[in-house]
Amino acid sequence: AVNKEIEFGIVYSCIEDKLYTARKGKGAFCNGVSIK
């Protein structure tokens, strides 16, 4: 977070080996594939 706003989030479900990522304004991904 910057200025109390979340800029990005990363969640790694490590037993499933699923890496979820999201950057503000740039979409969300799981292992590099866009998710909705």
Full PDB file with SEQRES, HELIX, SHEET, SSBOND, CRYST1, ORIGX, SCALE, CONECT and MASTER records, all heavy atoms in Angstrom:
SEQRES   1 A   36  ALA VAL ASN LYS GLU ILE GLU PHE GLY ILE VAL TYR SER          
SEQRES   2 A   36  CYS ILE GLU ASP LYS LEU TYR THR ALA ARG LYS GLY LYS          
SEQRES   3 A   36  GLY ALA PHE CYS ASN GLY VAL SER ILE LYS                      
SHEET    1 AA1 4 PHE A   8  SER A  13  0                                        
SHEET    2 AA1 4 LYS A  18  ARG A  23 -1                                        
SHEET    3 AA1 4 ALA A  28  CYS A  30 -1                                        
SHEET    4 AA1 4 VAL A  33  SER A  34 -1                                        
CRYST1    1.000    1.000    1.000  90.00  90.00  90.00 P 1           1          
ORIGX1      1.000000  0.000000  0.000000        0.00000                         
ORIGX2      0.000000  1.000000  0.000000        0.00000                         
ORIGX3      0.000000  0.000000  1.000000        0.00000                         
SCALE1      1.000000  0.000000  0.000000        0.00000                         
SCALE2      0.000000  1.000000  0.000000        0.00000                         
SCALE3      0.000000  0.000000  1.000000        0.00000                         
ATOM      1  N   ALA A   1       0.833  -1.212   0.000  1.00  0.00           N  
ATOM      2  CA  ALA A   1       0.000   0.000   0.000  1.00  0.00           C  
ATOM      3  C   ALA A   1       0.864   1.257   0.000  1.00  0.00           C  
ATOM      4  O   ALA A   1       1.913   1.315   0.660  1.00  0.00           O  
ATOM      5  CB  ALA A   1      -0.920   0.004   1.217  1.00  0.00           C  
ATOM      6  N   VAL A   2       0.416   2.260  -0.746  1.00  0.00           N  
ATOM      7  CA  VAL A   2       1.038   3.590  -0.762  1.00  0.00           C  
ATOM      8  C   VAL A   2      -0.086   4.605  -0.593  1.00  0.00           C  
ATOM      9  O   VAL A   2      -1.113   4.503  -1.268  1.00  0.00           O  
ATOM     10  CB  VAL A   2       1.800   3.846  -2.077  1.00  0.00           C  
ATOM     11  CG1 VAL A   2       2.485   5.214  -2.032  1.00  0.00           C  
ATOM     12  CG2 VAL A   2       2.825   2.748  -2.350  1.00  0.00           C  
ATOM     13  N   ASN A   3       0.103   5.553   0.325  1.00  0.00           N  
ATOM     14  CA  ASN A   3      -0.966   6.512   0.647  1.00  0.00           C  
ATOM     15  C   ASN A   3      -2.254   5.793   1.042  1.00  0.00           C  
ATOM     16  O   ASN A   3      -3.358   6.200   0.685  1.00  0.00           O  
ATOM     17  CB  ASN A   3      -1.229   7.462  -0.533  1.00  0.00           C  
ATOM     18  CG  ASN A   3      -0.022   8.331  -0.838  1.00  0.00           C  
ATOM     19  OD1 ASN A   3       0.665   8.794   0.070  1.00  0.00           O  
ATOM     20  ND2 ASN A   3       0.263   8.525  -2.106  1.00  0.00           N  
ATOM     21  N   LYS A   4      -2.078   4.674   1.739  1.00  0.00           N  
ATOM     22  CA  LYS A   4      -3.180   3.849   2.269  1.00  0.00           C  
ATOM     23  C   LYS A   4      -4.004   3.163   1.171  1.00  0.00           C  
ATOM     24  O   LYS A   4      -5.050   2.583   1.445  1.00  0.00           O  
ATOM     25  CB  LYS A   4      -4.105   4.664   3.189  1.00  0.00           C  
ATOM     26  CG  LYS A   4      -3.427   5.259   4.407  1.00  0.00           C  
ATOM     27  CD  LYS A   4      -4.441   5.878   5.355  1.00  0.00           C  
ATOM     28  CE  LYS A   4      -3.800   6.481   6.586  1.00  0.00           C  
ATOM     29  NZ  LYS A   4      -3.095   7.731   6.323  1.00  0.00           N  
ATOM     30  N   GLU A   5      -3.537   3.199  -0.069  1.00  0.00           N  
ATOM     31  CA  GLU A   5      -4.208   2.524  -1.180  1.00  0.00           C  
ATOM     32  C   GLU A   5      -3.364   1.331  -1.615  1.00  0.00           C  
ATOM     33  O   GLU A   5      -2.139   1.451  -1.758  1.00  0.00           O  
ATOM     34  CB  GLU A   5      -4.391   3.473  -2.366  1.00  0.00           C  
ATOM     35  CG  GLU A   5      -5.366   4.615  -2.106  1.00  0.00           C  
ATOM     36  CD  GLU A   5      -6.809   4.148  -2.032  1.00  0.00           C  
ATOM     37  OE1 GLU A   5      -7.167   3.201  -2.769  1.00  0.00           O  
ATOM     38  OE2 GLU A   5      -7.574   4.713  -1.237  1.00  0.00           O  
ATOM     39  N   ILE A   6      -4.017   0.187  -1.853  1.00  0.00           N  
ATOM     40  CA  ILE A   6      -3.276  -1.014  -2.239  1.00  0.00           C  
ATOM     41  C   ILE A   6      -2.840  -0.903  -3.700  1.00  0.00           C  
ATOM     42  O   ILE A   6      -3.678  -0.760  -4.595  1.00  0.00           O  
ATOM     43  CB  ILE A   6      -4.121  -2.291  -2.027  1.00  0.00           C  
ATOM     44  CG1 ILE A   6      -4.618  -2.383  -0.584  1.00  0.00           C  
ATOM     45  CG2 ILE A   6      -3.292  -3.539  -2.371  1.00  0.00           C  
ATOM     46  CD1 ILE A   6      -5.656  -3.462  -0.354  1.00  0.00           C  
ATOM     47  N   GLU A   7      -1.537  -0.945  -3.917  1.00  0.00           N  
ATOM     48  CA  GLU A   7      -0.973  -0.859  -5.272  1.00  0.00           C  
ATOM     49  C   GLU A   7      -0.912  -2.228  -5.945  1.00  0.00           C  
ATOM     50  O   GLU A   7      -1.110  -2.335  -7.149  1.00  0.00           O  
ATOM     51  CB  GLU A   7       0.430  -0.241  -5.223  1.00  0.00           C  
ATOM     52  CG  GLU A   7       0.448   1.254  -5.004  1.00  0.00           C  
ATOM     53  CD  GLU A   7      -0.059   2.027  -6.221  1.00  0.00           C  
ATOM     54  OE1 GLU A   7       0.077   1.526  -7.354  1.00  0.00           O  
ATOM     55  OE2 GLU A   7      -0.604   3.127  -6.025  1.00  0.00           O  
ATOM     56  N   PHE A   8      -0.590  -3.257  -5.184  1.00  0.00           N  
ATOM     57  CA  PHE A   8      -0.578  -4.598  -5.755  1.00  0.00           C  
ATOM     58  C   PHE A   8      -0.767  -5.639  -4.664  1.00  0.00           C  
ATOM     59  O   PHE A   8      -0.569  -5.372  -3.478  1.00  0.00           O  
ATOM     60  CB  PHE A   8       0.702  -4.876  -6.567  1.00  0.00           C  
ATOM     61  CG  PHE A   8       1.998  -4.877  -5.792  1.00  0.00           C  
ATOM     62  CD1 PHE A   8       2.369  -5.950  -4.983  1.00  0.00           C  
ATOM     63  CD2 PHE A   8       2.885  -3.816  -5.908  1.00  0.00           C  
ATOM     64  CE1 PHE A   8       3.580  -5.958  -4.299  1.00  0.00           C  
ATOM     65  CE2 PHE A   8       4.095  -3.811  -5.222  1.00  0.00           C  
ATOM     66  CZ  PHE A   8       4.450  -4.886  -4.411  1.00  0.00           C  
ATOM     67  N   GLY A   9      -1.179  -6.819  -5.103  1.00  0.00           N  
ATOM     68  CA  GLY A   9      -1.364  -7.940  -4.187  1.00  0.00           C  
ATOM     69  C   GLY A   9      -0.793  -9.203  -4.795  1.00  0.00           C  
ATOM     70  O   GLY A   9      -0.863  -9.403  -6.015  1.00  0.00           O  
ATOM     71  N   ILE A  10      -0.202 -10.018  -3.938  1.00  0.00           N  
ATOM     72  CA  ILE A  10       0.350 -11.310  -4.357  1.00  0.00           C  
ATOM     73  C   ILE A  10      -0.118 -12.365  -3.359  1.00  0.00           C  
ATOM     74  O   ILE A  10       0.033 -12.190  -2.144  1.00  0.00           O  
ATOM     75  CB  ILE A  10       1.893 -11.272  -4.391  1.00  0.00           C  
ATOM     76  CG1 ILE A  10       2.378 -10.245  -5.423  1.00  0.00           C  
ATOM     77  CG2 ILE A  10       2.467 -12.662  -4.691  1.00  0.00           C  
ATOM     78  CD1 ILE A  10       3.847  -9.924  -5.322  1.00  0.00           C  
ATOM     79  N   VAL A  11      -0.706 -13.429  -3.856  1.00  0.00           N  
ATOM     80  CA  VAL A  11      -1.120 -14.559  -3.018  1.00  0.00           C  
ATOM     81  C   VAL A  11      -0.593 -15.829  -3.681  1.00  0.00           C  
ATOM     82  O   VAL A  11      -0.920 -16.105  -4.835  1.00  0.00           O  
ATOM     83  CB  VAL A  11      -2.655 -14.633  -2.861  1.00  0.00           C  
ATOM     84  CG1 VAL A  11      -3.061 -15.907  -2.107  1.00  0.00           C  
ATOM     85  CG2 VAL A  11      -3.188 -13.400  -2.139  1.00  0.00           C  
ATOM     86  N   TYR A  12       0.204 -16.575  -2.934  1.00  0.00           N  
ATOM     87  CA  TYR A  12       0.749 -17.821  -3.468  1.00  0.00           C  
ATOM     88  C   TYR A  12       0.152 -18.991  -2.700  1.00  0.00           C  
ATOM     89  O   TYR A  12       0.484 -19.216  -1.539  1.00  0.00           O  
ATOM     90  CB  TYR A  12       2.268 -17.817  -3.359  1.00  0.00           C  
ATOM     91  CG  TYR A  12       2.955 -19.025  -3.979  1.00  0.00           C  
ATOM     92  CD1 TYR A  12       2.396 -19.699  -5.064  1.00  0.00           C  
ATOM     93  CD2 TYR A  12       4.166 -19.472  -3.487  1.00  0.00           C  
ATOM     94  CE1 TYR A  12       3.022 -20.791  -5.633  1.00  0.00           C  
ATOM     95  CE2 TYR A  12       4.816 -20.562  -4.060  1.00  0.00           C  
ATOM     96  CZ  TYR A  12       4.238 -21.216  -5.132  1.00  0.00           C  
ATOM     97  OH  TYR A  12       4.863 -22.299  -5.699  1.00  0.00           O  
ATOM     98  N   SER A  13      -0.781 -19.698  -3.338  1.00  0.00           N  
ATOM     99  CA  SER A  13      -1.346 -20.915  -2.752  1.00  0.00           C  
ATOM    100  C   SER A  13      -0.336 -22.020  -3.034  1.00  0.00           C  
ATOM    101  O   SER A  13      -0.342 -22.635  -4.101  1.00  0.00           O  
ATOM    102  CB  SER A  13      -2.714 -21.221  -3.381  1.00  0.00           C  
ATOM    103  OG  SER A  13      -3.297 -22.355  -2.778  1.00  0.00           O  
ATOM    104  N   CYS A  14       0.565 -22.229  -2.069  1.00  0.00           N  
ATOM    105  CA  CYS A  14       1.816 -22.913  -2.390  1.00  0.00           C  
ATOM    106  C   CYS A  14       1.693 -24.428  -2.517  1.00  0.00           C  
ATOM    107  O   CYS A  14       2.521 -25.048  -3.191  1.00  0.00           O  
ATOM    108  CB  CYS A  14       2.907 -22.527  -1.399  1.00  0.00           C  
ATOM    109  SG  CYS A  14       2.450 -22.652   0.316  1.00  0.00           S  
ATOM    110  N   ILE A  15       0.696 -25.056  -1.914  1.00  0.00           N  
ATOM    111  CA  ILE A  15       0.526 -26.499  -2.109  1.00  0.00           C  
ATOM    112  C   ILE A  15      -0.082 -26.755  -3.499  1.00  0.00           C  
ATOM    113  O   ILE A  15       0.312 -27.685  -4.206  1.00  0.00           O  
ATOM    114  CB  ILE A  15      -0.332 -27.120  -0.990  1.00  0.00           C  
ATOM    115  CG1 ILE A  15       0.360 -26.903   0.361  1.00  0.00           C  
ATOM    116  CG2 ILE A  15      -0.572 -28.602  -1.240  1.00  0.00           C  
ATOM    117  CD1 ILE A  15      -0.445 -27.362   1.556  1.00  0.00           C  
ATOM    118  N   GLU A  16      -1.015 -25.894  -3.892  1.00  0.00           N  
ATOM    119  CA  GLU A  16      -1.590 -25.982  -5.240  1.00  0.00           C  
ATOM    120  C   GLU A  16      -0.617 -25.477  -6.311  1.00  0.00           C  
ATOM    121  O   GLU A  16      -0.831 -25.723  -7.498  1.00  0.00           O  
ATOM    122  CB  GLU A  16      -2.846 -25.122  -5.343  1.00  0.00           C  
ATOM    123  CG  GLU A  16      -3.992 -25.479  -4.444  1.00  0.00           C  
ATOM    124  CD  GLU A  16      -5.158 -24.549  -4.720  1.00  0.00           C  
ATOM    125  OE1 GLU A  16      -5.133 -23.395  -4.255  1.00  0.00           O  
ATOM    126  OE2 GLU A  16      -6.088 -24.960  -5.420  1.00  0.00           O  
ATOM    127  N   ASP A  17       0.404 -24.722  -5.889  1.00  0.00           N  
ATOM    128  CA  ASP A  17       1.343 -24.051  -6.798  1.00  0.00           C  
ATOM    129  C   ASP A  17       0.600 -23.091  -7.725  1.00  0.00           C  
ATOM    130  O   ASP A  17       0.797 -23.069  -8.940  1.00  0.00           O  
ATOM    131  CB  ASP A  17       2.171 -25.063  -7.605  1.00  0.00           C  
ATOM    132  CG  ASP A  17       3.375 -24.403  -8.297  1.00  0.00           C  
ATOM    133  OD1 ASP A  17       3.823 -23.341  -7.826  1.00  0.00           O  
ATOM    134  OD2 ASP A  17       3.859 -24.958  -9.308  1.00  0.00           O  
ATOM    135  N   LYS A  18      -0.268 -22.271  -7.114  1.00  0.00           N  
ATOM    136  CA  LYS A  18      -0.982 -21.233  -7.859  1.00  0.00           C  
ATOM    137  C   LYS A  18      -0.551 -19.867  -7.344  1.00  0.00           C  
ATOM    138  O   LYS A  18      -0.753 -19.548  -6.166  1.00  0.00           O  
ATOM    139  CB  LYS A  18      -2.502 -21.398  -7.706  1.00  0.00           C  
ATOM    140  CG  LYS A  18      -3.053 -22.611  -8.433  1.00  0.00           C  
ATOM    141  CD  LYS A  18      -4.565 -22.683  -8.322  1.00  0.00           C  
ATOM    142  CE  LYS A  18      -5.112 -23.865  -9.132  1.00  0.00           C  
ATOM    143  NZ  LYS A  18      -6.587 -23.963  -9.012  1.00  0.00           N  
ATOM    144  N   LEU A  19       0.046 -19.083  -8.222  1.00  0.00           N  
ATOM    145  CA  LEU A  19       0.526 -17.753  -7.864  1.00  0.00           C  
ATOM    146  C   LEU A  19      -0.431 -16.715  -8.448  1.00  0.00           C  
ATOM    147  O   LEU A  19      -0.497 -16.533  -9.667  1.00  0.00           O  
ATOM    148  CB  LEU A  19       1.942 -17.530  -8.399  1.00  0.00           C  
ATOM    149  CG  LEU A  19       2.550 -16.161  -8.089  1.00  0.00           C  
ATOM    150  CD1 LEU A  19       2.879 -16.047  -6.590  1.00  0.00           C  
ATOM    151  CD2 LEU A  19       3.795 -15.922  -8.935  1.00  0.00           C  
ATOM    152  N   TYR A  20      -1.183 -16.061  -7.564  1.00  0.00           N  
ATOM    153  CA  TYR A  20      -2.124 -15.019  -7.964  1.00  0.00           C  
ATOM    154  C   TYR A  20      -1.462 -13.655  -7.801  1.00  0.00           C  
ATOM    155  O   TYR A  20      -0.856 -13.375  -6.755  1.00  0.00           O  
ATOM    156  CB  TYR A  20      -3.382 -15.067  -7.093  1.00  0.00           C  
ATOM    157  CG  TYR A  20      -4.185 -16.333  -7.199  1.00  0.00           C  
ATOM    158  CD1 TYR A  20      -3.950 -17.415  -6.352  1.00  0.00           C  
ATOM    159  CD2 TYR A  20      -5.216 -16.455  -8.136  1.00  0.00           C  
ATOM    160  CE1 TYR A  20      -4.704 -18.582  -6.439  1.00  0.00           C  
ATOM    161  CE2 TYR A  20      -5.974 -17.620  -8.229  1.00  0.00           C  
ATOM    162  CZ  TYR A  20      -5.709 -18.673  -7.380  1.00  0.00           C  
ATOM    163  OH  TYR A  20      -6.454 -19.817  -7.460  1.00  0.00           O  
ATOM    164  N   THR A  21      -1.587 -12.809  -8.821  1.00  0.00           N  
ATOM    165  CA  THR A  21      -0.975 -11.479  -8.765  1.00  0.00           C  
ATOM    166  C   THR A  21      -1.935 -10.447  -9.339  1.00  0.00           C  
ATOM    167  O   THR A  21      -2.731 -10.753 -10.232  1.00  0.00           O  
ATOM    168  CB  THR A  21       0.340 -11.432  -9.577  1.00  0.00           C  
ATOM    169  OG1 THR A  21       0.058 -11.833 -10.934  1.00  0.00           O  
ATOM    170  CG2 THR A  21       1.391 -12.360  -8.995  1.00  0.00           C  
ATOM    171  N   ALA A  22      -1.841  -9.229  -8.827  1.00  0.00           N  
ATOM    172  CA  ALA A  22      -2.644  -8.129  -9.369  1.00  0.00           C  
ATOM    173  C   ALA A  22      -1.950  -6.808  -9.087  1.00  0.00           C  
ATOM    174  O   ALA A  22      -1.501  -6.570  -7.964  1.00  0.00           O  
ATOM    175  CB  ALA A  22      -4.038  -8.113  -8.765  1.00  0.00           C  
ATOM    176  N   ARG A  23      -1.867  -5.975 -10.106  1.00  0.00           N  
ATOM    177  CA  ARG A  23      -1.340  -4.618  -9.983  1.00  0.00           C  
ATOM    178  C   ARG A  23      -2.466  -3.658 -10.318  1.00  0.00           C  
ATOM    179  O   ARG A  23      -3.212  -3.885 -11.286  1.00  0.00           O  
ATOM    180  CB  ARG A  23      -0.166  -4.446 -10.959  1.00  0.00           C  
ATOM    181  CG  ARG A  23       0.408  -3.050 -11.014  1.00  0.00           C  
ATOM    182  CD  ARG A  23       1.280  -2.731  -9.812  1.00  0.00           C  
ATOM    183  NE  ARG A  23       1.348  -1.296  -9.604  1.00  0.00           N  
ATOM    184  CZ  ARG A  23       2.131  -0.469 -10.283  1.00  0.00           C  
ATOM    185  NH1 ARG A  23       2.925  -0.947 -11.212  1.00  0.00           N  
ATOM    186  NH2 ARG A  23       2.131   0.819 -10.016  1.00  0.00           N  
ATOM    187  N   LYS A  24      -2.600  -2.605  -9.530  1.00  0.00           N  
ATOM    188  CA  LYS A  24      -3.707  -1.664  -9.708  1.00  0.00           C  
ATOM    189  C   LYS A  24      -3.775  -1.160 -11.150  1.00  0.00           C  
ATOM    190  O   LYS A  24      -2.800  -0.629 -11.674  1.00  0.00           O  
ATOM    191  CB  LYS A  24      -3.564  -0.482  -8.742  1.00  0.00           C  
ATOM    192  CG  LYS A  24      -4.776   0.439  -8.721  1.00  0.00           C  
ATOM    193  CD  LYS A  24      -4.777   1.342  -7.506  1.00  0.00           C  
ATOM    194  CE  LYS A  24      -3.770   2.454  -7.622  1.00  0.00           C  
ATOM    195  NZ  LYS A  24      -3.892   3.426  -6.517  1.00  0.00           N  
ATOM    196  N   GLY A  25      -4.938  -1.384 -11.777  1.00  0.00           N  
ATOM    197  CA  GLY A  25      -5.158  -0.917 -13.138  1.00  0.00           C  
ATOM    198  C   GLY A  25      -4.634  -1.827 -14.225  1.00  0.00           C  
ATOM    199  O   GLY A  25      -4.767  -1.522 -15.418  1.00  0.00           O  
ATOM    200  N   LYS A  26      -4.055  -2.976 -13.844  1.00  0.00           N  
ATOM    201  CA  LYS A  26      -3.415  -3.834 -14.855  1.00  0.00           C  
ATOM    202  C   LYS A  26      -3.949  -5.270 -14.870  1.00  0.00           C  
ATOM    203  O   LYS A  26      -3.383  -6.144 -15.516  1.00  0.00           O  
ATOM    204  CB  LYS A  26      -1.901  -3.824 -14.646  1.00  0.00           C  
ATOM    205  CG  LYS A  26      -1.290  -2.448 -14.894  1.00  0.00           C  
ATOM    206  CD  LYS A  26       0.216  -2.486 -14.934  1.00  0.00           C  
ATOM    207  CE  LYS A  26       0.775  -1.111 -15.281  1.00  0.00           C  
ATOM    208  NZ  LYS A  26       2.255  -1.109 -15.284  1.00  0.00           N  
ATOM    209  N   GLY A  27      -5.032  -5.536 -14.137  1.00  0.00           N  
ATOM    210  CA  GLY A  27      -5.647  -6.854 -14.193  1.00  0.00           C  
ATOM    211  C   GLY A  27      -5.106  -7.834 -13.173  1.00  0.00           C  
ATOM    212  O   GLY A  27      -4.137  -7.551 -12.458  1.00  0.00           O  
ATOM    213  N   ALA A  28      -5.740  -8.991 -13.115  1.00  0.00           N  
ATOM    214  CA  ALA A  28      -5.369 -10.045 -12.158  1.00  0.00           C  
ATOM    215  C   ALA A  28      -5.015 -11.306 -12.928  1.00  0.00           C  
ATOM    216  O   ALA A  28      -5.582 -11.588 -13.994  1.00  0.00           O  
ATOM    217  CB  ALA A  28      -6.531 -10.326 -11.202  1.00  0.00           C  
ATOM    218  N   PHE A  29      -4.084 -12.081 -12.340  1.00  0.00           N  
ATOM    219  CA  PHE A  29      -3.546 -13.248 -13.030  1.00  0.00           C  
ATOM    220  C   PHE A  29      -3.335 -14.408 -12.066  1.00  0.00           C  
ATOM    221  O   PHE A  29      -3.094 -14.196 -10.875  1.00  0.00           O  
ATOM    222  CB  PHE A  29      -2.206 -12.895 -13.698  1.00  0.00           C  
ATOM    223  CG  PHE A  29      -2.310 -11.782 -14.703  1.00  0.00           C  
ATOM    224  CD1 PHE A  29      -2.254 -10.447 -14.301  1.00  0.00           C  
ATOM    225  CD2 PHE A  29      -2.503 -12.068 -16.045  1.00  0.00           C  
ATOM    226  CE1 PHE A  29      -2.387  -9.415 -15.221  1.00  0.00           C  
ATOM    227  CE2 PHE A  29      -2.632 -11.038 -16.979  1.00  0.00           C  
ATOM    228  CZ  PHE A  29      -2.568  -9.711 -16.571  1.00  0.00           C  
ATOM    229  N   CYS A  30      -3.436 -15.614 -12.604  1.00  0.00           N  
ATOM    230  CA  CYS A  30      -3.045 -16.815 -11.869  1.00  0.00           C  
ATOM    231  C   CYS A  30      -2.029 -17.553 -12.727  1.00  0.00           C  
ATOM    232  O   CYS A  30      -2.345 -17.969 -13.854  1.00  0.00           O  
ATOM    233  CB  CYS A  30      -4.250 -17.706 -11.582  1.00  0.00           C  
ATOM    234  SG  CYS A  30      -3.801 -19.251 -10.749  1.00  0.00           S  
ATOM    235  N   ASN A  31      -0.831 -17.692 -12.197  1.00  0.00           N  
ATOM    236  CA  ASN A  31       0.282 -18.289 -12.950  1.00  0.00           C  
ATOM    237  C   ASN A  31       0.438 -17.646 -14.322  1.00  0.00           C  
ATOM    238  O   ASN A  31       0.685 -18.312 -15.332  1.00  0.00           O  
ATOM    239  CB  ASN A  31       0.104 -19.806 -13.073  1.00  0.00           C  
ATOM    240  CG  ASN A  31       0.254 -20.509 -11.733  1.00  0.00           C  
ATOM    241  OD1 ASN A  31       0.765 -19.939 -10.765  1.00  0.00           O  
ATOM    242  ND2 ASN A  31      -0.177 -21.758 -11.660  1.00  0.00           N  
ATOM    243  N   GLY A  32       0.239 -16.324 -14.350  1.00  0.00           N  
ATOM    244  CA  GLY A  32       0.451 -15.561 -15.577  1.00  0.00           C  
ATOM    245  C   GLY A  32      -0.728 -15.514 -16.525  1.00  0.00           C  
ATOM    246  O   GLY A  32      -0.689 -14.812 -17.544  1.00  0.00           O  
ATOM    247  N   VAL A  33      -1.801 -16.240 -16.214  1.00  0.00           N  
ATOM    248  CA  VAL A  33      -2.990 -16.266 -17.074  1.00  0.00           C  
ATOM    249  C   VAL A  33      -4.060 -15.346 -16.476  1.00  0.00           C  
ATOM    250  O   VAL A  33      -4.358 -15.421 -15.278  1.00  0.00           O  
ATOM    251  CB  VAL A  33      -3.542 -17.701 -17.207  1.00  0.00           C  
ATOM    252  CG1 VAL A  33      -4.800 -17.717 -18.066  1.00  0.00           C  
ATOM    253  CG2 VAL A  33      -2.480 -18.634 -17.794  1.00  0.00           C  
ATOM    254  N   SER A  34      -4.636 -14.491 -17.296  1.00  0.00           N  
ATOM    255  CA  SER A  34      -5.639 -13.530 -16.838  1.00  0.00           C  
ATOM    256  C   SER A  34      -6.842 -14.239 -16.212  1.00  0.00           C  
ATOM    257  O   SER A  34      -7.303 -15.262 -16.725  1.00  0.00           O  
ATOM    258  CB  SER A  34      -6.110 -12.677 -18.015  1.00  0.00           C  
ATOM    259  OG  SER A  34      -7.131 -11.788 -17.622  1.00  0.00           O  
ATOM    260  N   ILE A  35      -7.321 -13.718 -15.084  1.00  0.00           N  
ATOM    261  CA  ILE A  35      -8.501 -14.282 -14.421  1.00  0.00           C  
ATOM    262  C   ILE A  35      -9.584 -13.221 -14.265  1.00  0.00           C  
ATOM    263  O   ILE A  35      -9.301 -12.025 -14.189  1.00  0.00           O  
ATOM    264  CB  ILE A  35      -8.168 -14.899 -13.040  1.00  0.00           C  
ATOM    265  CG1 ILE A  35      -7.497 -13.863 -12.112  1.00  0.00           C  
ATOM    266  CG2 ILE A  35      -7.298 -16.135 -13.203  1.00  0.00           C  
ATOM    267  CD1 ILE A  35      -7.288 -14.351 -10.680  1.00  0.00           C  
ATOM    268  N   LYS A  36     -10.829 -13.687 -14.220  1.00  0.00           N  
ATOM    269  CA  LYS A  36     -11.988 -12.808 -14.062  1.00  0.00           C  
ATOM    270  C   LYS A  36     -12.977 -13.431 -13.092  1.00  0.00           C  
ATOM    271  O   LYS A  36     -13.085 -14.655 -13.010  1.00  0.00           O  
ATOM    272  CB  LYS A  36     -12.699 -12.588 -15.410  1.00  0.00           C  
ATOM    273  CG  LYS A  36     -11.894 -11.806 -16.430  1.00  0.00           C  
ATOM    274  CD  LYS A  36     -11.823 -10.342 -16.084  1.00  0.00           C  
ATOM    275  CE  LYS A  36     -11.044  -9.548 -17.118  1.00  0.00           C  
ATOM    276  NZ  LYS A  36     -10.757  -8.175 -16.624  1.00  0.00           N  
TER     277      LYS A  36                                                      
MASTER        0    0    0    0    4    0    0    6  276    1    0    3          
END                                                                             
